Amino acid sequence: MSLEAITRIRSVEEGMDQAKADARAQAQKLAAEAEREGRALLQQGREQAAKAAPYLPVLEYIPTSISEDVYNAICYCQMERGMVILHGDAGIGKTNEPFPQKRTEKQMKKRNKNKIKKSKVD
């Protein structure tokens, strides 16, 4: 091989090494940028979740006077091995009271309104 060919090969190798270094630097830059964007999206999601938290359903069962009446009637029926008929105004929770569930704030306001309305009638 001639000196000129060796010089050309060396310059090509140096060019390739420089291209590799540039590609690594660009990859690191893209990775850092993606990580920054990911952290920003994560923070944004956390902020949105914090804003939405008051509007999420209540996760715990909330006993009410109606639920206590329904449970007492069910317990009485179990002990006496009998049946019971629960009656009352529509929408006050006779059907759903024995089954703990998630309730939204709007549902709780509606239930409380119905209870107050019922107590005035009685």
PDB file of N, CA and C in Angstrom:
ATOM      1  N   MET A   1       0.834  -1.174   0.000  1.00  0.00           N
ATOM      2  CA  MET A   1       0.000   0.000   0.000  1.00  0.00           C
ATOM      3  C   MET A   1       0.879   1.236   0.000  1.00  0.00           C
ATOM      4  N   SER A   2       0.371   2.171  -0.700  1.00  0.00           N
ATOM      5  CA  SER A   2       1.142   3.406  -0.772  1.00  0.00           C
ATOM      6  C   SER A   2       0.797   4.310   0.408  1.00  0.00           C
ATOM      7  N   LEU A   3       1.635   5.252   0.624  1.00  0.00           N
ATOM      8  CA  LEU A   3       1.442   6.219   1.704  1.00  0.00           C
ATOM      9  C   LEU A   3       0.166   7.026   1.490  1.00  0.00           C
ATOM     10  N   GLU A   4      -0.107   7.295   0.238  1.00  0.00           N
ATOM     11  CA  GLU A   4      -1.311   8.061  -0.082  1.00  0.00           C
ATOM     12  C   GLU A   4      -2.572   7.268   0.276  1.00  0.00           C
ATOM     13  N   ALA A   5      -2.606   5.979  -0.001  1.00  0.00           N
ATOM     14  CA  ALA A   5      -3.751   5.126   0.316  1.00  0.00           C
ATOM     15  C   ALA A   5      -3.938   5.028   1.833  1.00  0.00           C
ATOM     16  N   ILE A   6      -2.837   4.886   2.559  1.00  0.00           N
ATOM     17  CA  ILE A   6      -2.907   4.817   4.022  1.00  0.00           C
ATOM     18  C   ILE A   6      -3.459   6.128   4.582  1.00  0.00           C
ATOM     19  N   THR A   7      -3.032   7.229   4.019  1.00  0.00           N
ATOM     20  CA  THR A   7      -3.509   8.545   4.466  1.00  0.00           C
ATOM     21  C   THR A   7      -5.012   8.677   4.209  1.00  0.00           C
ATOM     22  N   ARG A   8      -5.447   8.217   3.043  1.00  0.00           N
ATOM     23  CA  ARG A   8      -6.876   8.273   2.730  1.00  0.00           C
ATOM     24  C   ARG A   8      -7.679   7.399   3.700  1.00  0.00           C
ATOM     25  N   ILE A   9      -7.200   6.202   3.939  1.00  0.00           N
ATOM     26  CA  ILE A   9      -7.889   5.298   4.876  1.00  0.00           C
ATOM     27  C   ILE A   9      -7.954   5.923   6.261  1.00  0.00           C
ATOM     28  N   ARG A  10      -6.873   6.491   6.710  1.00  0.00           N
ATOM     29  CA  ARG A  10      -6.833   7.120   8.018  1.00  0.00           C
ATOM     30  C   ARG A  10      -7.811   8.306   8.079  1.00  0.00           C
ATOM     31  N   SER A  11      -7.873   9.106   7.018  1.00  0.00           N
ATOM     32  CA  SER A  11      -8.792  10.256   7.019  1.00  0.00           C
ATOM     33  C   SER A  11     -10.249   9.783   7.011  1.00  0.00           C
ATOM     34  N   VAL A  12     -10.529   8.687   6.269  1.00  0.00           N
ATOM     35  CA  VAL A  12     -11.888   8.124   6.272  1.00  0.00           C
ATOM     36  C   VAL A  12     -12.240   7.605   7.662  1.00  0.00           C
ATOM     37  N   GLU A  13     -11.290   6.892   8.311  1.00  0.00           N
ATOM     38  CA  GLU A  13     -11.528   6.377   9.662  1.00  0.00           C
ATOM     39  C   GLU A  13     -11.757   7.514  10.647  1.00  0.00           C
ATOM     40  N   GLU A  14     -10.982   8.578  10.524  1.00  0.00           N
ATOM     41  CA  GLU A  14     -11.163   9.722  11.407  1.00  0.00           C
ATOM     42  C   GLU A  14     -12.535  10.366  11.178  1.00  0.00           C
ATOM     43  N   GLY A  15     -12.940  10.451   9.900  1.00  0.00           N
ATOM     44  CA  GLY A  15     -14.271  10.981   9.572  1.00  0.00           C
ATOM     45  C   GLY A  15     -15.376  10.117  10.168  1.00  0.00           C
ATOM     46  N   MET A  16     -15.172   8.791  10.099  1.00  0.00           N
ATOM     47  CA  MET A  16     -16.159   7.882  10.680  1.00  0.00           C
ATOM     48  C   MET A  16     -16.188   8.010  12.200  1.00  0.00           C
ATOM     49  N   ASP A  17     -15.023   8.123  12.812  1.00  0.00           N
ATOM     50  CA  ASP A  17     -14.971   8.316  14.265  1.00  0.00           C
ATOM     51  C   ASP A  17     -15.677   9.611  14.662  1.00  0.00           C
ATOM     52  N   GLN A  18     -15.465  10.667  13.882  1.00  0.00           N
ATOM     53  CA  GLN A  18     -16.116  11.946  14.168  1.00  0.00           C
ATOM     54  C   GLN A  18     -17.629  11.817  13.997  1.00  0.00           C
ATOM     55  N   ALA A  19     -18.060  11.096  12.960  1.00  0.00           N
ATOM     56  CA  ALA A  19     -19.492  10.893  12.739  1.00  0.00           C
ATOM     57  C   ALA A  19     -20.106  10.103  13.897  1.00  0.00           C
ATOM     58  N   LYS A  20     -19.394   9.076  14.377  1.00  0.00           N
ATOM     59  CA  LYS A  20     -19.864   8.299  15.528  1.00  0.00           C
ATOM     60  C   LYS A  20     -19.988   9.179  16.767  1.00  0.00           C
ATOM     61  N   ALA A  21     -18.998  10.018  16.999  1.00  0.00           N
ATOM     62  CA  ALA A  21     -19.026  10.905  18.158  1.00  0.00           C
ATOM     63  C   ALA A  21     -20.191  11.887  18.050  1.00  0.00           C
ATOM     64  N   ASP A  22     -20.400  12.414  16.826  1.00  0.00           N
ATOM     65  CA  ASP A  22     -21.529  13.321  16.618  1.00  0.00           C
ATOM     66  C   ASP A  22     -22.862  12.600  16.850  1.00  0.00           C
ATOM     67  N   ALA A  23     -22.964  11.370  16.362  1.00  0.00           N
ATOM     68  CA  ALA A  23     -24.192  10.595  16.536  1.00  0.00           C
ATOM     69  C   ALA A  23     -24.434  10.298  18.019  1.00  0.00           C
ATOM     70  N   ARG A  24     -23.383   9.958  18.756  1.00  0.00           N
ATOM     71  CA  ARG A  24     -23.526   9.720  20.200  1.00  0.00           C
ATOM     72  C   ARG A  24     -23.989  10.974  20.917  1.00  0.00           C
ATOM     73  N   ALA A  25     -23.368  12.110  20.551  1.00  0.00           N
ATOM     74  CA  ALA A  25     -23.749  13.378  21.185  1.00  0.00           C
ATOM     75  C   ALA A  25     -25.209  13.716  20.878  1.00  0.00           C
ATOM     76  N   GLN A  26     -25.623  13.491  19.644  1.00  0.00           N
ATOM     77  CA  GLN A  26     -27.002  13.770  19.270  1.00  0.00           C
ATOM     78  C   GLN A  26     -27.958  12.822  19.999  1.00  0.00           C
ATOM     79  N   ALA A  27     -27.580  11.557  20.114  1.00  0.00           N
ATOM     80  CA  ALA A  27     -28.416  10.591  20.832  1.00  0.00           C
ATOM     81  C   ALA A  27     -28.552  10.981  22.301  1.00  0.00           C
ATOM     82  N   GLN A  28     -27.461  11.395  22.925  1.00  0.00           N
ATOM     83  CA  GLN A  28     -27.520  11.829  24.321  1.00  0.00           C
ATOM     84  C   GLN A  28     -28.402  13.069  24.462  1.00  0.00           C
ATOM     85  N   LYS A  29     -28.288  13.975  23.489  1.00  0.00           N
ATOM     86  CA  LYS A  29     -29.103  15.195  23.521  1.00  0.00           C
ATOM     87  C   LYS A  29     -30.587  14.840  23.391  1.00  0.00           C
ATOM     88  N   LEU A  30     -30.907  13.934  22.458  1.00  0.00           N
ATOM     89  CA  LEU A  30     -32.295  13.510  22.282  1.00  0.00           C
ATOM     90  C   LEU A  30     -32.825  12.788  23.521  1.00  0.00           C
ATOM     91  N   ALA A  31     -31.997  11.949  24.125  1.00  0.00           N
ATOM     92  CA  ALA A  31     -32.411  11.232  25.334  1.00  0.00           C
ATOM     93  C   ALA A  31     -32.674  12.203  26.480  1.00  0.00           C
ATOM     94  N   ALA A  32     -31.794  13.199  26.641  1.00  0.00           N
ATOM     95  CA  ALA A  32     -31.984  14.188  27.697  1.00  0.00           C
ATOM     96  C   ALA A  32     -33.241  15.014  27.447  1.00  0.00           C
ATOM     97  N   GLU A  33     -33.482  15.364  26.203  1.00  0.00           N
ATOM     98  CA  GLU A  33     -34.672  16.137  25.854  1.00  0.00           C
ATOM     99  C   GLU A  33     -35.943  15.324  26.101  1.00  0.00           C
ATOM    100  N   ALA A  34     -35.914  14.041  25.720  1.00  0.00           N
ATOM    101  CA  ALA A  34     -37.064  13.165  25.948  1.00  0.00           C
ATOM    102  C   ALA A  34     -37.320  12.989  27.438  1.00  0.00           C
ATOM    103  N   GLU A  35     -36.263  12.869  28.224  1.00  0.00           N
ATOM    104  CA  GLU A  35     -36.431  12.732  29.669  1.00  0.00           C
ATOM    105  C   GLU A  35     -37.040  13.989  30.265  1.00  0.00           C
ATOM    106  N   ARG A  36     -36.577  15.165  29.807  1.00  0.00           N
ATOM    107  CA  ARG A  36     -37.146  16.429  30.292  1.00  0.00           C
ATOM    108  C   ARG A  36     -38.635  16.525  29.945  1.00  0.00           C
ATOM    109  N   GLU A  37     -38.979  16.174  28.707  1.00  0.00           N
ATOM    110  CA  GLU A  37     -40.377  16.222  28.290  1.00  0.00           C
ATOM    111  C   GLU A  37     -41.217  15.221  29.076  1.00  0.00           C
ATOM    112  N   GLY A  38     -40.659  14.035  29.315  1.00  0.00           N
ATOM    113  CA  GLY A  38     -41.372  13.025  30.101  1.00  0.00           C
ATOM    114  C   GLY A  38     -41.625  13.488  31.522  1.00  0.00           C
ATOM    115  N   ARG A  39     -40.613  14.100  32.127  1.00  0.00           N
ATOM    116  CA  ARG A  39     -40.793  14.616  33.488  1.00  0.00           C
ATOM    117  C   ARG A  39     -41.819  15.738  33.514  1.00  0.00           C
ATOM    118  N   ALA A  40     -41.817  16.584  32.484  1.00  0.00           N
ATOM    119  CA  ALA A  40     -42.797  17.669  32.414  1.00  0.00           C
ATOM    120  C   ALA A  40     -44.211  17.106  32.271  1.00  0.00           C
ATOM    121  N   LEU A  41     -44.370  16.083  31.429  1.00  0.00           N
ATOM    122  CA  LEU A  41     -45.690  15.459  31.280  1.00  0.00           C
ATOM    123  C   LEU A  41     -46.134  14.782  32.569  1.00  0.00           C
ATOM    124  N   LEU A  42     -45.209  14.143  33.246  1.00  0.00           N
ATOM    125  CA  LEU A  42     -45.528  13.506  34.518  1.00  0.00           C
ATOM    126  C   LEU A  42     -45.978  14.536  35.539  1.00  0.00           C
ATOM    127  N   GLN A  43     -45.278  15.647  35.617  1.00  0.00           N
ATOM    128  CA  GLN A  43     -45.651  16.713  36.536  1.00  0.00           C
ATOM    129  C   GLN A  43     -47.014  17.286  36.167  1.00  0.00           C
ATOM    130  N   GLN A  44     -47.252  17.463  34.877  1.00  0.00           N
ATOM    131  CA  GLN A  44     -48.537  17.975  34.421  1.00  0.00           C
ATOM    132  C   GLN A  44     -49.661  17.007  34.797  1.00  0.00           C
ATOM    133  N   GLY A  45     -49.420  15.711  34.631  1.00  0.00           N
ATOM    134  CA  GLY A  45     -50.412  14.704  35.015  1.00  0.00           C
ATOM    135  C   GLY A  45     -50.694  14.734  36.504  1.00  0.00           C
ATOM    136  N   ARG A  46     -49.653  14.909  37.300  1.00  0.00           N
ATOM    137  CA  ARG A  46     -49.843  14.994  38.756  1.00  0.00           C
ATOM    138  C   ARG A  46     -50.666  16.215  39.131  1.00  0.00           C
ATOM    139  N   GLU A  47     -50.401  17.335  38.458  1.00  0.00           N
ATOM    140  CA  GLU A  47     -51.163  18.551  38.741  1.00  0.00           C
ATOM    141  C   GLU A  47     -52.627  18.379  38.360  1.00  0.00           C
ATOM    142  N   GLN A  48     -52.879  17.750  37.210  1.00  0.00           N
ATOM    143  CA  GLN A  48     -54.257  17.512  36.792  1.00  0.00           C
ATOM    144  C   GLN A  48     -54.962  16.564  37.757  1.00  0.00           C
ATOM    145  N   ALA A  49     -54.243  15.551  38.223  1.00  0.00           N
ATOM    146  CA  ALA A  49     -54.833  14.619  39.186  1.00  0.00           C
ATOM    147  C   ALA A  49     -55.158  15.328  40.490  1.00  0.00           C
ATOM    148  N   ALA A  50     -54.293  16.236  40.912  1.00  0.00           N
ATOM    149  CA  ALA A  50     -54.559  16.987  42.144  1.00  0.00           C
ATOM    150  C   ALA A  50     -55.778  17.889  41.981  1.00  0.00           C
ATOM    151  N   LYS A  51     -55.934  18.480  40.790  1.00  0.00           N
ATOM    152  CA  LYS A  51     -57.106  19.328  40.542  1.00  0.00           C
ATOM    153  C   LYS A  51     -58.384  18.502  40.510  1.00  0.00           C
ATOM    154  N   ALA A  52     -58.307  17.276  39.990  1.00  0.00           N
ATOM    155  CA  ALA A  52     -59.485  16.426  39.843  1.00  0.00           C
ATOM    156  C   ALA A  52     -59.845  15.688  41.125  1.00  0.00           C
ATOM    157  N   ALA A  53     -58.948  15.643  42.086  1.00  0.00           N
ATOM    158  CA  ALA A  53     -59.167  14.858  43.308  1.00  0.00           C
ATOM    159  C   ALA A  53     -60.476  15.207  44.029  1.00  0.00           C
ATOM    160  N   PRO A  54     -60.846  16.481  44.180  1.00  0.00           N
ATOM    161  CA  PRO A  54     -62.105  16.765  44.885  1.00  0.00           C
ATOM    162  C   PRO A  54     -63.337  16.242  44.161  1.00  0.00           C
ATOM    163  N   TYR A  55     -63.235  15.979  42.867  1.00  0.00           N
ATOM    164  CA  TYR A  55     -64.392  15.550  42.097  1.00  0.00           C
ATOM    165  C   TYR A  55     -64.462  14.043  41.895  1.00  0.00           C
ATOM    166  N   LEU A  56     -63.496  13.319  42.416  1.00  0.00           N
ATOM    167  CA  LEU A  56     -63.498  11.868  42.299  1.00  0.00           C
ATOM    168  C   LEU A  56     -64.506  11.271  43.268  1.00  0.00           C
ATOM    169  N   PRO A  57     -64.975  10.069  42.985  1.00  0.00           N
ATOM    170  CA  PRO A  57     -65.933   9.434  43.886  1.00  0.00           C
ATOM    171  C   PRO A  57     -65.325   9.197  45.266  1.00  0.00           C
ATOM    172  N   VAL A  58     -66.184   9.202  46.257  1.00  0.00           N
ATOM    173  CA  VAL A  58     -65.760   8.893  47.613  1.00  0.00           C
ATOM    174  C   VAL A  58     -65.403   7.414  47.649  1.00  0.00           C
ATOM    175  N   LEU A  59     -64.245   7.084  48.180  1.00  0.00           N
ATOM    176  CA  LEU A  59     -63.772   5.706  48.125  1.00  0.00           C
ATOM    177  C   LEU A  59     -64.254   4.859  49.300  1.00  0.00           C
ATOM    178  N   GLU A  60     -64.705   5.477  50.342  1.00  0.00           N
ATOM    179  CA  GLU A  60     -65.118   4.720  51.507  1.00  0.00           C
ATOM    180  C   GLU A  60     -66.639   4.717  51.614  1.00  0.00           C
ATOM    181  N   TYR A  61     -67.152   3.698  52.249  1.00  0.00           N
ATOM    182  CA  TYR A  61     -68.587   3.618  52.501  1.00  0.00           C
ATOM    183  C   TYR A  61     -68.961   4.643  53.560  1.00  0.00           C
ATOM    184  N   ILE A  62     -70.032   5.360  53.306  1.00  0.00           N
ATOM    185  CA  ILE A  62     -70.479   6.385  54.245  1.00  0.00           C
ATOM    186  C   ILE A  62     -71.824   5.952  54.813  1.00  0.00           C
ATOM    187  N   PRO A  63     -71.877   5.578  56.082  1.00  0.00           N
ATOM    188  CA  PRO A  63     -73.158   5.157  56.661  1.00  0.00           C
ATOM    189  C   PRO A  63     -74.111   6.344  56.806  1.00  0.00           C
ATOM    190  N   THR A  64     -75.370   6.086  56.521  1.00  0.00           N
ATOM    191  CA  THR A  64     -76.412   7.094  56.685  1.00  0.00           C
ATOM    192  C   THR A  64     -77.530   6.505  57.532  1.00  0.00           C
ATOM    193  N   SER A  65     -78.492   7.333  57.878  1.00  0.00           N
ATOM    194  CA  SER A  65     -79.610   6.817  58.684  1.00  0.00           C
ATOM    195  C   SER A  65     -80.384   5.759  57.903  1.00  0.00           C
ATOM    196  N   ILE A  66     -80.516   5.957  56.603  1.00  0.00           N
ATOM    197  CA  ILE A  66     -81.242   4.977  55.792  1.00  0.00           C
ATOM    198  C   ILE A  66     -80.454   3.679  55.711  1.00  0.00           C
ATOM    199  N   SER A  67     -79.139   3.776  55.520  1.00  0.00           N
ATOM    200  CA  SER A  67     -78.341   2.549  55.428  1.00  0.00           C
ATOM    201  C   SER A  67     -78.388   1.778  56.742  1.00  0.00           C
ATOM    202  N   GLU A  68     -78.386   2.491  57.850  1.00  0.00           N
ATOM    203  CA  GLU A  68     -78.480   1.817  59.155  1.00  0.00           C
ATOM    204  C   GLU A  68     -79.828   1.113  59.297  1.00  0.00           C
ATOM    205  N   ASP A  69     -80.914   1.752  58.859  1.00  0.00           N
ATOM    206  CA  ASP A  69     -82.241   1.118  58.910  1.00  0.00           C
ATOM    207  C   ASP A  69     -82.282  -0.132  58.043  1.00  0.00           C
ATOM    208  N   VAL A  70     -81.706  -0.045  56.853  1.00  0.00           N
ATOM    209  CA  VAL A  70     -81.695  -1.197  55.941  1.00  0.00           C
ATOM    210  C   VAL A  70     -80.875  -2.332  56.543  1.00  0.00           C
ATOM    211  N   TYR A  71     -79.703  -2.020  57.073  1.00  0.00           N
ATOM    212  CA  TYR A  71     -78.868  -3.058  57.692  1.00  0.00           C
ATOM    213  C   TYR A  71     -79.558  -3.687  58.901  1.00  0.00           C
ATOM    214  N   ASN A  72     -80.188  -2.877  59.711  1.00  0.00           N
ATOM    215  CA  ASN A  72     -80.898  -3.426  60.881  1.00  0.00           C
ATOM    216  C   ASN A  72     -82.027  -4.342  60.440  1.00  0.00           C
ATOM    217  N   ALA A  73     -82.755  -3.958  59.387  1.00  0.00           N
ATOM    218  CA  ALA A  73     -83.837  -4.809  58.889  1.00  0.00           C
ATOM    219  C   ALA A  73     -83.278  -6.123  58.349  1.00  0.00           C
ATOM    220  N   ILE A  74     -82.171  -6.054  57.643  1.00  0.00           N
ATOM    221  CA  ILE A  74     -81.562  -7.274  57.105  1.00  0.00           C
ATOM    222  C   ILE A  74     -81.070  -8.180  58.236  1.00  0.00           C
ATOM    223  N   CYS A  75     -80.442  -7.595  59.238  1.00  0.00           N
ATOM    224  CA  CYS A  75     -79.978  -8.392  60.389  1.00  0.00           C
ATOM    225  C   CYS A  75     -81.149  -9.052  61.104  1.00  0.00           C
ATOM    226  N   TYR A  76     -82.223  -8.304  61.291  1.00  0.00           N
ATOM    227  CA  TYR A  76     -83.410  -8.854  61.945  1.00  0.00           C
ATOM    228  C   TYR A  76     -83.949 -10.033  61.151  1.00  0.00           C
ATOM    229  N   CYS A  77     -84.021  -9.897  59.822  1.00  0.00           N
ATOM    230  CA  CYS A  77     -84.517 -10.981  58.974  1.00  0.00           C
ATOM    231  C   CYS A  77     -83.614 -12.209  59.057  1.00  0.00           C
ATOM    232  N   GLN A  78     -82.322 -11.983  59.123  1.00  0.00           N
ATOM    233  CA  GLN A  78     -81.401 -13.110  59.220  1.00  0.00           C
ATOM    234  C   GLN A  78     -81.564 -13.835  60.547  1.00  0.00           C
ATOM    235  N   MET A  79     -81.725 -13.087  61.611  1.00  0.00           N
ATOM    236  CA  MET A  79     -81.863 -13.721  62.936  1.00  0.00           C
ATOM    237  C   MET A  79     -83.209 -14.420  63.083  1.00  0.00           C
ATOM    238  N   GLU A  80     -84.264 -13.840  62.532  1.00  0.00           N
ATOM    239  CA  GLU A  80     -85.599 -14.417  62.658  1.00  0.00           C
ATOM    240  C   GLU A  80     -85.944 -15.359  61.503  1.00  0.00           C
ATOM    241  N   ARG A  81     -85.036 -15.450  60.552  1.00  0.00           N
ATOM    242  CA  ARG A  81     -85.252 -16.286  59.370  1.00  0.00           C
ATOM    243  C   ARG A  81     -86.555 -15.919  58.677  1.00  0.00           C
ATOM    244  N   GLY A  82     -86.677 -14.639  58.407  1.00  0.00           N
ATOM    245  CA  GLY A  82     -87.895 -14.152  57.772  1.00  0.00           C
ATOM    246  C   GLY A  82     -87.590 -13.221  56.618  1.00  0.00           C
ATOM    247  N   MET A  83     -88.620 -12.476  56.247  1.00  0.00           N
ATOM    248  CA  MET A  83     -88.498 -11.529  55.149  1.00  0.00           C
ATOM    249  C   MET A  83     -88.896 -10.146  55.653  1.00  0.00           C
ATOM    250  N   VAL A  84     -88.461  -9.151  54.920  1.00  0.00           N
ATOM    251  CA  VAL A  84     -88.823  -7.781  55.258  1.00  0.00           C
ATOM    252  C   VAL A  84     -89.112  -7.030  53.971  1.00  0.00           C
ATOM    253  N   ILE A  85     -90.022  -6.093  54.043  1.00  0.00           N
ATOM    254  CA  ILE A  85     -90.325  -5.225  52.910  1.00  0.00           C
ATOM    255  C   ILE A  85     -89.936  -3.815  53.320  1.00  0.00           C
ATOM    256  N   LEU A  86     -89.046  -3.243  52.558  1.00  0.00           N
ATOM    257  CA  LEU A  86     -88.623  -1.869  52.807  1.00  0.00           C
ATOM    258  C   LEU A  86     -89.328  -0.980  51.795  1.00  0.00           C
ATOM    259  N   HIS A  87     -89.973   0.065  52.283  1.00  0.00           N
ATOM    260  CA  HIS A  87     -90.662   0.965  51.362  1.00  0.00           C
ATOM    261  C   HIS A  87     -90.343   2.399  51.751  1.00  0.00           C
ATOM    262  N   GLY A  88     -90.529   3.278  50.806  1.00  0.00           N
ATOM    263  CA  GLY A  88     -90.253   4.687  51.041  1.00  0.00           C
ATOM    264  C   GLY A  88     -90.189   5.435  49.728  1.00  0.00           C
ATOM    265  N   ASP A  89     -89.875   6.700  49.812  1.00  0.00           N
ATOM    266  CA  ASP A  89     -89.813   7.541  48.622  1.00  0.00           C
ATOM    267  C   ASP A  89     -88.779   7.012  47.633  1.00  0.00           C
ATOM    268  N   ALA A  90     -89.019   7.306  46.373  1.00  0.00           N
ATOM    269  CA  ALA A  90     -88.090   6.887  45.326  1.00  0.00           C
ATOM    270  C   ALA A  90     -86.794   7.691  45.428  1.00  0.00           C
ATOM    271  N   GLY A  91     -85.684   7.022  45.192  1.00  0.00           N
ATOM    272  CA  GLY A  91     -84.405   7.702  45.100  1.00  0.00           C
ATOM    273  C   GLY A  91     -83.712   7.989  46.410  1.00  0.00           C
ATOM    274  N   ILE A  92     -84.130   7.378  47.502  1.00  0.00           N
ATOM    275  CA  ILE A  92     -83.461   7.665  48.777  1.00  0.00           C
ATOM    276  C   ILE A  92     -82.450   6.596  49.164  1.00  0.00           C
ATOM    277  N   GLY A  93     -82.317   5.552  48.339  1.00  0.00           N
ATOM    278  CA  GLY A  93     -81.240   4.594  48.564  1.00  0.00           C
ATOM    279  C   GLY A  93     -81.650   3.268  49.136  1.00  0.00           C
ATOM    280  N   LYS A  94     -82.916   2.913  49.014  1.00  0.00           N
ATOM    281  CA  LYS A  94     -83.338   1.618  49.561  1.00  0.00           C
ATOM    282  C   LYS A  94     -82.652   0.462  48.846  1.00  0.00           C
ATOM    283  N   THR A  95     -82.482   0.573  47.548  1.00  0.00           N
ATOM    284  CA  THR A  95     -81.885  -0.505  46.764  1.00  0.00           C
ATOM    285  C   THR A  95     -80.389  -0.582  46.969  1.00  0.00           C
ATOM    286  N   ASN A  96     -79.720   0.543  46.960  1.00  0.00           N
ATOM    287  CA  ASN A  96     -78.262   0.558  46.958  1.00  0.00           C
ATOM    288  C   ASN A  96     -77.636   0.621  48.339  1.00  0.00           C
ATOM    289  N   GLU A  97     -78.364   0.915  49.374  1.00  0.00           N
ATOM    290  CA  GLU A  97     -77.771   1.058  50.703  1.00  0.00           C
ATOM    291  C   GLU A  97     -77.058  -0.197  51.198  1.00  0.00           C
ATOM    292  N   PRO A  98     -77.583  -1.391  50.966  1.00  0.00           N
ATOM    293  CA  PRO A  98     -76.872  -2.568  51.474  1.00  0.00           C
ATOM    294  C   PRO A  98     -75.563  -2.855  50.751  1.00  0.00           C
ATOM    295  N   PHE A  99     -75.336  -2.189  49.626  1.00  0.00           N
ATOM    296  CA  PHE A  99     -74.163  -2.454  48.829  1.00  0.00           C
ATOM    297  C   PHE A  99     -73.245  -1.246  48.843  1.00  0.00           C
ATOM    298  N   PRO A 100     -72.196  -1.265  49.659  1.00  0.00           N
ATOM    299  CA  PRO A 100     -71.273  -0.127  49.679  1.00  0.00           C
ATOM    300  C   PRO A 100     -70.721   0.132  48.277  1.00  0.00           C
ATOM    301  N   GLN A 101     -70.693   1.393  47.918  1.00  0.00           N
ATOM    302  CA  GLN A 101     -70.218   1.748  46.590  1.00  0.00           C
ATOM    303  C   GLN A 101     -69.565   3.116  46.623  1.00  0.00           C
ATOM    304  N   LYS A 102     -68.975   3.459  45.522  1.00  0.00           N
ATOM    305  CA  LYS A 102     -68.355   4.766  45.400  1.00  0.00           C
ATOM    306  C   LYS A 102     -69.437   5.779  45.059  1.00  0.00           C
ATOM    307  N   ARG A 103     -69.423   6.891  45.742  1.00  0.00           N
ATOM    308  CA  ARG A 103     -70.412   7.923  45.480  1.00  0.00           C
ATOM    309  C   ARG A 103     -69.709   9.243  45.217  1.00  0.00           C
ATOM    310  N   THR A 104     -70.232   9.982  44.266  1.00  0.00           N
ATOM    311  CA  THR A 104     -69.666  11.288  43.976  1.00  0.00           C
ATOM    312  C   THR A 104     -70.295  12.312  44.910  1.00  0.00           C
ATOM    313  N   GLU A 105     -69.686  13.474  44.955  1.00  0.00           N
ATOM    314  CA  GLU A 105     -70.204  14.541  45.807  1.00  0.00           C
ATOM    315  C   GLU A 105     -71.610  14.928  45.357  1.00  0.00           C
ATOM    316  N   LYS A 106     -71.851  14.939  44.062  1.00  0.00           N
ATOM    317  CA  LYS A 106     -73.169  15.288  43.532  1.00  0.00           C
ATOM    318  C   LYS A 106     -74.221  14.277  44.001  1.00  0.00           C
ATOM    319  N   GLN A 107     -73.871  12.994  43.964  1.00  0.00           N
ATOM    320  CA  GLN A 107     -74.795  11.969  44.427  1.00  0.00           C
ATOM    321  C   GLN A 107     -75.087  12.124  45.914  1.00  0.00           C
ATOM    322  N   MET A 108     -74.067  12.456  46.692  1.00  0.00           N
ATOM    323  CA  MET A 108     -74.280  12.621  48.128  1.00  0.00           C
ATOM    324  C   MET A 108     -75.195  13.805  48.410  1.00  0.00           C
ATOM    325  N   LYS A 109     -75.050  14.896  47.660  1.00  0.00           N
ATOM    326  CA  LYS A 109     -75.937  16.046  47.850  1.00  0.00           C
ATOM    327  C   LYS A 109     -77.373  15.674  47.523  1.00  0.00           C
ATOM    328  N   LYS A 110     -77.563  14.917  46.441  1.00  0.00           N
ATOM    329  CA  LYS A 110     -78.903  14.486  46.050  1.00  0.00           C
ATOM    330  C   LYS A 110     -79.512  13.603  47.137  1.00  0.00           C
ATOM    331  N   ARG A 111     -78.702  12.696  47.678  1.00  0.00           N
ATOM    332  CA  ARG A 111     -79.197  11.801  48.733  1.00  0.00           C
ATOM    333  C   ARG A 111     -79.571  12.595  49.972  1.00  0.00           C
ATOM    334  N   ASN A 112     -78.734  13.545  50.354  1.00  0.00           N
ATOM    335  CA  ASN A 112     -79.031  14.342  51.538  1.00  0.00           C
ATOM    336  C   ASN A 112     -80.286  15.180  51.333  1.00  0.00           C
ATOM    337  N   LYS A 113     -80.478  15.692  50.133  1.00  0.00           N
ATOM    338  CA  LYS A 113     -81.671  16.477  49.816  1.00  0.00           C
ATOM    339  C   LYS A 113     -82.916  15.608  49.955  1.00  0.00           C
ATOM    340  N   ASN A 114     -82.847  14.383  49.431  1.00  0.00           N
ATOM    341  CA  ASN A 114     -83.988  13.468  49.529  1.00  0.00           C
ATOM    342  C   ASN A 114     -84.281  13.102  50.977  1.00  0.00           C
ATOM    343  N   LYS A 115     -83.240  12.922  51.786  1.00  0.00           N
ATOM    344  CA  LYS A 115     -83.462  12.577  53.192  1.00  0.00           C
ATOM    345  C   LYS A 115     -84.138  13.723  53.921  1.00  0.00           C
ATOM    346  N   ILE A 116     -83.685  14.932  53.662  1.00  0.00           N
ATOM    347  CA  ILE A 116     -84.287  16.097  54.323  1.00  0.00           C
ATOM    348  C   ILE A 116     -85.739  16.210  53.883  1.00  0.00           C
ATOM    349  N   LYS A 117     -85.984  16.041  52.606  1.00  0.00           N
ATOM    350  CA  LYS A 117     -87.339  16.117  52.080  1.00  0.00           C
ATOM    351  C   LYS A 117     -88.223  15.056  52.732  1.00  0.00           C
ATOM    352  N   LYS A 118     -87.714  13.861  52.882  1.00  0.00           N
ATOM    353  CA  LYS A 118     -88.482  12.777  53.480  1.00  0.00           C
ATOM    354  C   LYS A 118     -88.761  13.054  54.957  1.00  0.00           C
ATOM    355  N   SER A 119     -87.770  13.611  55.660  1.00  0.00           N
ATOM    356  CA  SER A 119     -87.963  13.848  57.080  1.00  0.00           C
ATOM    357  C   SER A 119     -89.013  14.930  57.323  1.00  0.00           C
ATOM    358  N   LYS A 120     -89.185  15.855  56.392  1.00  0.00           N
ATOM    359  CA  LYS A 120     -90.206  16.872  56.540  1.00  0.00           C
ATOM    360  C   LYS A 120     -91.599  16.286  56.364  1.00  0.00           C
ATOM    361  N   VAL A 121     -91.723  15.256  55.492  1.00  0.00           N
ATOM    362  CA  VAL A 121     -93.013  14.626  55.237  1.00  0.00           C
ATOM    363  C   VAL A 121     -93.451  13.791  56.425  1.00  0.00           C
ATOM    364  N   ASP A 122     -92.512  13.117  57.042  1.00  0.00           N
ATOM    365  CA  ASP A 122     -92.847  12.208  58.168  1.00  0.00           C
ATOM    366  C   ASP A 122     -93.364  12.910  59.364  1.00  0.00           C
TER     367      ASP A 122
END
